[in-house]
Protein backbone atom coordinates (compact mmCIF):
# COMPACT_ATOMS: atom_id res chain seq x y z
CA MET A 1 -43.02 1.07 18.12
CA LEU A 2 -45.13 -0.36 15.36
CA ASP A 3 -43.47 -0.57 11.97
CA ASP A 4 -45.09 -0.71 8.55
CA ARG A 5 -45.53 -4.48 8.58
CA LYS A 6 -48.98 -5.99 8.94
CA VAL A 7 -49.83 -7.44 12.35
CA LEU A 8 -50.49 -11.16 12.73
CA PHE A 9 -51.83 -12.84 15.88
CA SER A 10 -52.06 -16.48 16.86
CA GLY A 11 -51.86 -18.60 19.98
CA MET A 12 -51.94 -22.10 21.42
CA GLN A 13 -53.47 -23.47 24.59
CA ALA A 14 -51.22 -24.83 27.32
CA THR A 15 -53.31 -27.97 27.73
CA GLY A 16 -52.37 -31.49 26.74
CA ASN A 17 -49.23 -32.42 24.85
CA LEU A 18 -48.71 -30.82 21.45
CA THR A 19 -48.68 -33.20 18.51
CA LEU A 20 -46.78 -33.47 15.28
CA GLY A 21 -49.88 -31.97 13.67
CA ASN A 22 -49.59 -28.84 15.84
CA TYR A 23 -45.95 -28.47 14.84
CA LEU A 24 -46.18 -29.15 11.10
CA GLY A 25 -49.56 -27.46 10.68
CA ALA A 26 -48.87 -24.28 12.66
CA LEU A 27 -45.77 -23.79 14.77
CA LYS A 28 -43.26 -24.53 12.01
CA ASN A 29 -44.89 -21.87 9.81
CA TRP A 30 -44.99 -19.29 12.62
CA VAL A 31 -41.21 -19.11 12.49
CA LYS A 32 -41.25 -17.96 8.87
CA LEU A 33 -44.17 -15.56 9.33
CA SER A 34 -42.21 -13.42 11.78
CA ASP A 35 -39.89 -12.45 8.93
CA ASP A 36 -42.73 -10.76 7.06
CA TYR A 37 -45.21 -9.69 9.76
CA LEU A 38 -45.21 -8.17 13.22
CA CYS A 39 -46.29 -11.32 15.02
CA PHE A 40 -47.91 -11.77 18.42
CA TYR A 41 -47.80 -15.39 19.52
CA SER A 42 -49.59 -16.00 22.78
CA VAL A 43 -49.69 -18.92 25.18
CA VAL A 44 -53.43 -18.60 25.72
CA ASP A 45 -53.58 -19.88 29.28
CA MET A 46 -56.73 -17.87 30.08
CA HIS A 47 -58.62 -19.90 27.48
CA SER A 48 -57.34 -23.08 29.09
CA ILE A 49 -59.32 -22.67 32.31
CA THR A 50 -62.72 -23.04 30.64
CA VAL A 51 -61.96 -26.69 31.44
CA ARG A 52 -60.79 -27.57 34.97
CA GLN A 53 -56.99 -27.64 35.19
CA ASP A 54 -54.58 -28.79 37.85
CA PRO A 55 -52.83 -25.50 38.75
CA ALA A 56 -49.29 -26.92 39.01
CA THR A 57 -49.70 -28.80 35.74
CA LEU A 58 -51.09 -25.78 33.90
CA ARG A 59 -48.23 -23.60 35.13
CA LYS A 60 -45.68 -26.20 34.05
CA ARG A 61 -47.26 -26.74 30.64
CA ALA A 62 -47.57 -23.02 29.96
CA ARG A 63 -43.85 -22.52 30.55
CA ALA A 64 -43.01 -25.63 28.51
CA LEU A 65 -45.07 -24.24 25.61
CA MET A 66 -43.25 -20.92 25.80
CA ILE A 67 -39.95 -22.81 25.66
CA LEU A 68 -41.24 -24.83 22.71
CA TYR A 69 -42.02 -21.61 20.80
CA ILE A 70 -38.40 -20.56 21.20
CA ALA A 71 -36.97 -24.02 20.53
CA ALA A 72 -38.95 -24.21 17.30
CA GLY A 73 -37.10 -21.11 16.10
CA ILE A 74 -39.37 -18.16 16.94
CA ASP A 75 -37.06 -15.25 17.71
CA PRO A 76 -38.33 -13.37 20.79
CA GLU A 77 -36.60 -10.26 19.49
CA LYS A 78 -38.62 -10.34 16.24
CA ALA A 79 -41.96 -11.71 17.44
CA VAL A 80 -43.80 -10.98 20.69
CA ILE A 81 -44.29 -14.27 22.54
CA TYR A 82 -46.08 -13.98 25.86
CA PHE A 83 -48.52 -15.47 28.33
CA GLN A 84 -52.07 -14.23 27.80
CA SER A 85 -52.57 -14.08 31.58
CA HIS A 86 -49.65 -11.64 31.93
CA VAL A 87 -51.50 -8.97 29.94
CA SER A 88 -54.60 -7.97 31.90
CA ALA A 89 -55.93 -5.97 28.94
CA HIS A 90 -57.15 -9.25 27.44
CA ALA A 91 -59.66 -9.77 30.24
CA GLU A 92 -60.60 -6.11 30.42
CA LEU A 93 -61.33 -5.77 26.72
CA ALA A 94 -63.20 -9.09 26.74
CA TRP A 95 -65.65 -7.71 29.32
CA ILE A 96 -66.20 -4.57 27.25
CA LEU A 97 -66.76 -6.60 24.10
CA ASP A 98 -69.18 -8.86 25.98
CA CYS A 99 -71.39 -5.79 26.22
CA TYR A 100 -71.37 -5.42 22.42
CA THR A 101 -72.04 -9.09 21.64
CA TYR A 102 -75.55 -10.52 21.32
CA MET A 103 -76.80 -13.72 22.92
CA GLY A 104 -78.17 -14.91 19.58
CA GLU A 105 -74.68 -14.71 18.07
CA MET A 106 -73.17 -16.70 20.90
CA ASN A 107 -75.92 -19.31 20.82
CA ARG A 108 -74.92 -20.12 17.25
CA MET A 109 -71.34 -21.03 18.18
CA THR A 110 -70.97 -24.69 17.29
CA GLN A 111 -67.80 -25.18 19.32
CA PHE A 112 -69.67 -24.32 22.53
CA LYS A 113 -72.17 -27.05 21.78
CA ASP A 114 -69.40 -29.54 21.05
CA LYS A 115 -67.41 -28.72 24.19
CA SER A 116 -70.53 -28.69 26.35
CA ALA A 117 -71.23 -32.24 25.27
CA LYS A 118 -67.69 -33.27 26.27
CA HIS A 119 -67.75 -31.40 29.59
CA ALA A 120 -71.37 -31.74 30.67
CA ASP A 121 -70.42 -31.41 34.34
CA ASN A 122 -68.78 -28.00 33.80
CA ILE A 123 -70.77 -25.90 31.31
CA ASN A 124 -69.53 -22.53 32.54
CA VAL A 125 -69.99 -18.94 31.37
CA GLY A 126 -66.31 -18.79 30.35
CA LEU A 127 -66.87 -21.63 27.91
CA PHE A 128 -69.86 -19.77 26.48
CA ALA A 129 -67.99 -16.45 26.23
CA TYR A 130 -64.80 -18.03 24.86
CA PRO A 131 -65.19 -16.45 21.38
CA VAL A 132 -65.40 -12.94 22.88
CA LEU A 133 -62.11 -13.44 24.73
CA MET A 134 -60.66 -14.66 21.45
CA ALA A 135 -61.96 -11.50 19.78
CA ALA A 136 -60.26 -9.42 22.47
CA ASP A 137 -56.99 -11.32 21.89
CA ILE A 138 -57.09 -10.38 18.23
CA LEU A 139 -58.44 -6.84 18.40
CA LEU A 140 -56.09 -5.67 21.17
CA TYR A 141 -53.15 -5.66 18.78
CA GLN A 142 -54.94 -4.10 15.81
CA THR A 143 -54.42 -7.42 14.08
CA ASP A 144 -54.58 -7.55 10.30
CA LEU A 145 -54.22 -11.30 9.84
CA VAL A 146 -55.15 -14.41 11.81
CA PRO A 147 -54.07 -17.89 10.73
CA VAL A 148 -57.12 -20.05 11.37
CA GLY A 149 -58.29 -23.53 10.58
CA ILE A 150 -61.80 -24.33 9.42
CA ASP A 151 -62.83 -25.11 13.00
CA GLN A 152 -61.94 -21.55 14.07
CA MET A 153 -63.45 -19.62 11.16
CA GLN A 154 -66.73 -19.10 13.01
CA HIS A 155 -64.82 -17.43 15.86
CA LEU A 156 -63.01 -15.11 13.46
CA GLU A 157 -66.31 -14.15 11.87
CA ILE A 158 -67.86 -13.15 15.19
CA CYS A 159 -64.68 -11.21 16.00
CA ARG A 160 -65.12 -9.27 12.77
CA ASP A 161 -68.81 -8.69 13.50
CA ILE A 162 -68.06 -7.33 16.99
CA ALA A 163 -65.30 -5.07 15.68
CA MET A 164 -67.46 -3.66 12.88
CA ARG A 165 -70.37 -3.10 15.27
CA PHE A 166 -68.12 -1.18 17.67
CA ASN A 167 -66.59 0.85 14.85
CA ASN A 168 -70.05 1.71 13.50
CA ILE A 169 -71.13 3.04 16.90
CA TYR A 170 -67.97 4.91 17.93
CA GLY A 171 -65.99 5.47 14.75
CA PRO A 172 -62.74 3.76 13.66
CA THR A 173 -61.32 1.92 16.66
CA PHE A 174 -60.39 -1.63 15.68
CA THR A 175 -58.66 -3.02 12.61
CA ILE A 176 -60.99 -5.57 10.99
CA PRO A 177 -58.95 -8.79 10.87
CA GLU A 178 -58.79 -11.10 7.89
CA ALA A 179 -58.05 -14.81 7.78
CA TYR A 180 -54.42 -15.42 6.89
CA ILE A 181 -54.20 -17.12 3.52
CA GLY A 182 -50.65 -18.14 2.86
CA LYS A 183 -48.68 -21.31 2.54
CA VAL A 184 -50.94 -23.88 4.13
CA GLY A 185 -49.33 -25.97 6.81
CA ALA A 186 -49.53 -29.72 6.46
CA LYS A 187 -52.85 -31.11 7.67
CA ILE A 188 -51.84 -34.12 9.72
CA MET A 189 -54.44 -36.78 10.39
CA SER A 190 -54.79 -39.41 13.10
CA LEU A 191 -52.61 -42.50 12.65
CA GLN A 192 -55.52 -44.70 13.76
CA ASP A 193 -58.38 -42.88 12.02
CA PRO A 194 -56.97 -40.97 9.03
CA LEU A 195 -60.36 -39.34 8.38
CA LYS A 196 -59.98 -37.08 11.44
CA LYS A 197 -57.23 -34.68 12.47
CA MET A 198 -54.44 -35.75 14.77
CA SER A 199 -55.43 -34.45 18.21
CA LYS A 200 -53.66 -33.93 21.53
CA SER A 201 -56.86 -35.03 23.27
CA ASP A 202 -57.28 -38.34 21.42
CA GLU A 203 -58.00 -41.17 23.85
CA ASN A 204 -55.99 -43.61 21.73
CA PRO A 205 -52.28 -42.97 22.48
CA ASN A 206 -51.28 -44.60 19.19
CA ALA A 207 -53.30 -42.10 17.16
CA SER A 208 -51.01 -39.13 17.74
CA ILE A 209 -47.30 -38.41 17.65
CA TYR A 210 -46.48 -36.11 20.57
CA LEU A 211 -43.59 -33.69 20.18
CA MET A 212 -41.77 -35.16 23.18
CA ASP A 213 -42.23 -38.81 22.16
CA ASP A 214 -38.91 -40.66 22.16
CA PRO A 215 -37.63 -42.18 18.88
CA ASP A 216 -38.64 -45.75 19.72
CA THR A 217 -42.19 -44.65 20.59
CA ILE A 218 -42.43 -42.72 17.31
CA ARG A 219 -41.25 -45.70 15.28
CA ARG A 220 -43.66 -48.04 17.08
CA LYS A 221 -46.65 -45.76 16.50
CA PHE A 222 -45.93 -45.56 12.78
CA LYS A 223 -45.62 -49.33 12.54
CA ARG A 224 -49.16 -49.52 13.96
CA ALA A 225 -50.54 -46.80 11.67
CA VAL A 226 -53.74 -47.70 9.85
CA THR A 227 -53.35 -48.21 6.08
CA ASP A 228 -55.52 -50.37 3.79
CA SER A 229 -55.48 -53.62 1.84
CA GLU A 230 -54.73 -52.17 -1.61
CA ALA A 231 -50.95 -52.73 -1.34
CA CYS A 232 -50.35 -49.69 -3.54
CA ILE A 233 -48.64 -46.46 -2.50
CA ALA A 234 -50.60 -43.66 -4.14
CA TYR A 235 -51.62 -40.15 -3.11
CA ARG A 236 -55.40 -40.19 -3.35
CA ASP A 237 -58.44 -39.65 -1.16
CA GLU A 238 -59.47 -43.28 -1.52
CA GLN A 239 -56.38 -44.24 0.51
CA PRO A 240 -56.50 -41.77 3.44
CA GLY A 241 -54.01 -43.67 5.59
CA ILE A 242 -51.36 -43.77 2.86
CA LYS A 243 -52.09 -40.17 1.87
CA ASN A 244 -51.53 -39.08 5.48
CA LEU A 245 -48.23 -40.94 5.72
CA LEU A 246 -47.06 -39.31 2.50
CA ASP A 247 -48.13 -35.87 3.78
CA ILE A 248 -46.08 -36.39 6.94
CA TYR A 249 -43.08 -37.62 4.98
CA CYS A 250 -43.22 -34.67 2.60
CA ALA A 251 -43.65 -32.14 5.41
CA CYS A 252 -40.68 -33.55 7.31
CA THR A 253 -38.31 -34.00 4.37
CA GLY A 254 -39.33 -31.17 2.06
CA THR A 255 -40.02 -33.68 -0.71
CA GLY A 256 -42.76 -32.95 -3.24
CA THR A 257 -45.74 -35.28 -3.28
CA ALA A 258 -45.10 -36.61 -6.78
CA ASP A 259 -41.44 -37.27 -5.97
CA ALA A 260 -42.39 -39.08 -2.76
CA VAL A 261 -44.86 -41.32 -4.57
CA LYS A 262 -42.22 -42.11 -7.16
CA ALA A 263 -39.62 -42.87 -4.48
CA PHE A 264 -41.89 -45.46 -2.88
CA GLU A 265 -43.12 -46.98 -6.12
CA GLY A 266 -43.17 -50.78 -5.89
CA ARG A 267 -42.31 -50.76 -2.17
CA GLY A 268 -44.42 -52.10 0.65
CA TYR A 269 -46.36 -50.33 3.34
CA GLY A 270 -43.86 -51.47 5.96
CA GLU A 271 -41.04 -49.65 4.20
CA LEU A 272 -43.17 -46.50 3.88
CA LYS A 273 -44.03 -46.55 7.58
CA GLU A 274 -40.39 -47.04 8.52
CA ALA A 275 -39.24 -44.17 6.29
CA VAL A 276 -41.93 -41.83 7.63
CA GLY A 277 -41.04 -42.74 11.21
CA GLU A 278 -37.36 -41.97 10.61
CA SER A 279 -38.21 -38.65 8.93
CA VAL A 280 -40.24 -37.63 11.99
CA VAL A 281 -37.47 -38.68 14.39
CA ALA A 282 -35.01 -36.57 12.38
CA VAL A 283 -37.28 -33.51 12.79
CA LEU A 284 -38.22 -33.95 16.43
CA GLU A 285 -34.89 -34.99 17.98
CA PRO A 286 -33.23 -31.56 17.48
CA LEU A 287 -36.40 -29.84 18.76
CA GLN A 288 -36.44 -32.03 21.86
CA LYS A 289 -32.74 -31.41 22.48
CA ARG A 290 -33.18 -27.63 22.22
CA CYS A 291 -36.19 -27.75 24.59
CA ALA A 292 -34.10 -29.66 27.13
CA GLU A 293 -31.31 -27.07 26.86
CA LEU A 294 -33.66 -24.09 27.23
CA THR A 295 -35.44 -25.67 30.20
CA LYS A 296 -32.16 -25.42 32.12
CA GLU A 297 -31.68 -21.74 31.19
CA LYS A 298 -34.11 -20.36 33.76
CA ASP A 299 -32.81 -16.79 33.87
CA TYR A 300 -32.78 -16.53 30.08
CA ILE A 301 -36.37 -17.76 29.76
CA ASP A 302 -37.51 -15.56 32.67
CA GLY A 303 -35.98 -12.55 30.90
CA ILE A 304 -37.86 -13.34 27.69
CA ILE A 305 -41.13 -13.80 29.58
CA LYS A 306 -40.76 -10.45 31.36
CA ALA A 307 -39.61 -8.45 28.32
CA ASN A 308 -42.23 -9.86 25.98
CA ALA A 309 -45.06 -9.40 28.47
CA GLU A 310 -44.06 -5.74 28.71
CA LYS A 311 -44.01 -5.39 24.91
CA ALA A 312 -47.41 -7.04 24.56
CA ALA A 313 -48.85 -4.89 27.36
CA TYR A 314 -47.52 -1.73 25.67
CA PHE A 315 -49.33 -2.46 22.42
CA ALA A 316 -52.46 -3.72 24.16
CA SER A 317 -52.73 -0.65 26.41
CA LYS A 318 -52.74 1.67 23.42
CA THR A 319 -55.88 -0.01 22.07
CA LEU A 320 -57.49 -0.25 25.49
CA ARG A 321 -57.00 3.45 26.22
CA LYS A 322 -58.63 4.28 22.91
CA VAL A 323 -61.60 2.02 23.74
CA HIS A 324 -61.97 3.60 27.19
CA ARG A 325 -62.19 7.07 25.66
CA LYS A 326 -64.70 5.95 23.04
CA ILE A 327 -67.14 4.37 25.48
CA GLY A 328 -66.91 7.15 28.05
CA PHE A 329 -64.88 5.75 30.93
CA PRO A 330 -63.36 8.53 33.08
CA ASP A 331 -59.76 9.45 32.29
CA ARG A 332 -57.24 7.81 34.58
CA ILE A 333 -55.12 10.18 36.66
CA ARG A 334 -51.50 9.25 36.09
């Protein structure tokens, strides 16, 4: 049953290998949020197929991401962690919301234009309707809060517009979600181009630290990280490479920015890179070890998948039944 906590929804795609940026910027904070909110954390595998996927690889990565959620510290007894594809209400509500979404709104979605340029050989309707499925993800659980980055704000806005439009036609049905404004996760930038975010799809393997990188690979990537020629360790926008390294160090060690700058005063870039690399290894090694342990516990993970899918479906069905009644679908005979 729902309690008096606010509902928070978020999810990650089971495509590519998650990076240090995904962990420090989002996943690490999800663990703490489940203490204060009723959290739904989805492996959004339905979103993943807007781009062609190898079925065996997608299945493997989706399960690995579920295991990563648990290894990172998300308690499946406190938060609902589930595969999007295991709750059919997502697809059903998305179709209904498609019928309350205007073409003009969808044509303004900048992410569709960006992804179409990257996947010109597969510009499909799912890619176009992606924001409506995202709206269904959020609205199904009567979500109050959605942690979003700047690149997802446009999707949250259209979700709000669709929900308000539906409510105006049929009366109160959906909670109007707000962007979650809390402790901001560290914004981790590329090690090779510190002006852009670290990405799991970066073509340069040295640009990103992947969560399953071994310690030697991590150390090597930091040694190759782009800095500058100023030979001064300072936290300022004019030195984006150094600023990024300090952000990573602070996020991994819990050190304040001013204290970190002071600690590296008078030291060279090589020492900074080495220290940052070791701080990342110290964070990721226990995570990797726990993932390896959980991967072997098949029955335990299967039990979590089944129980959490049932919990998610219970909450989702309550909203979907309400929507069915509002729009005039015949009652189901049970």
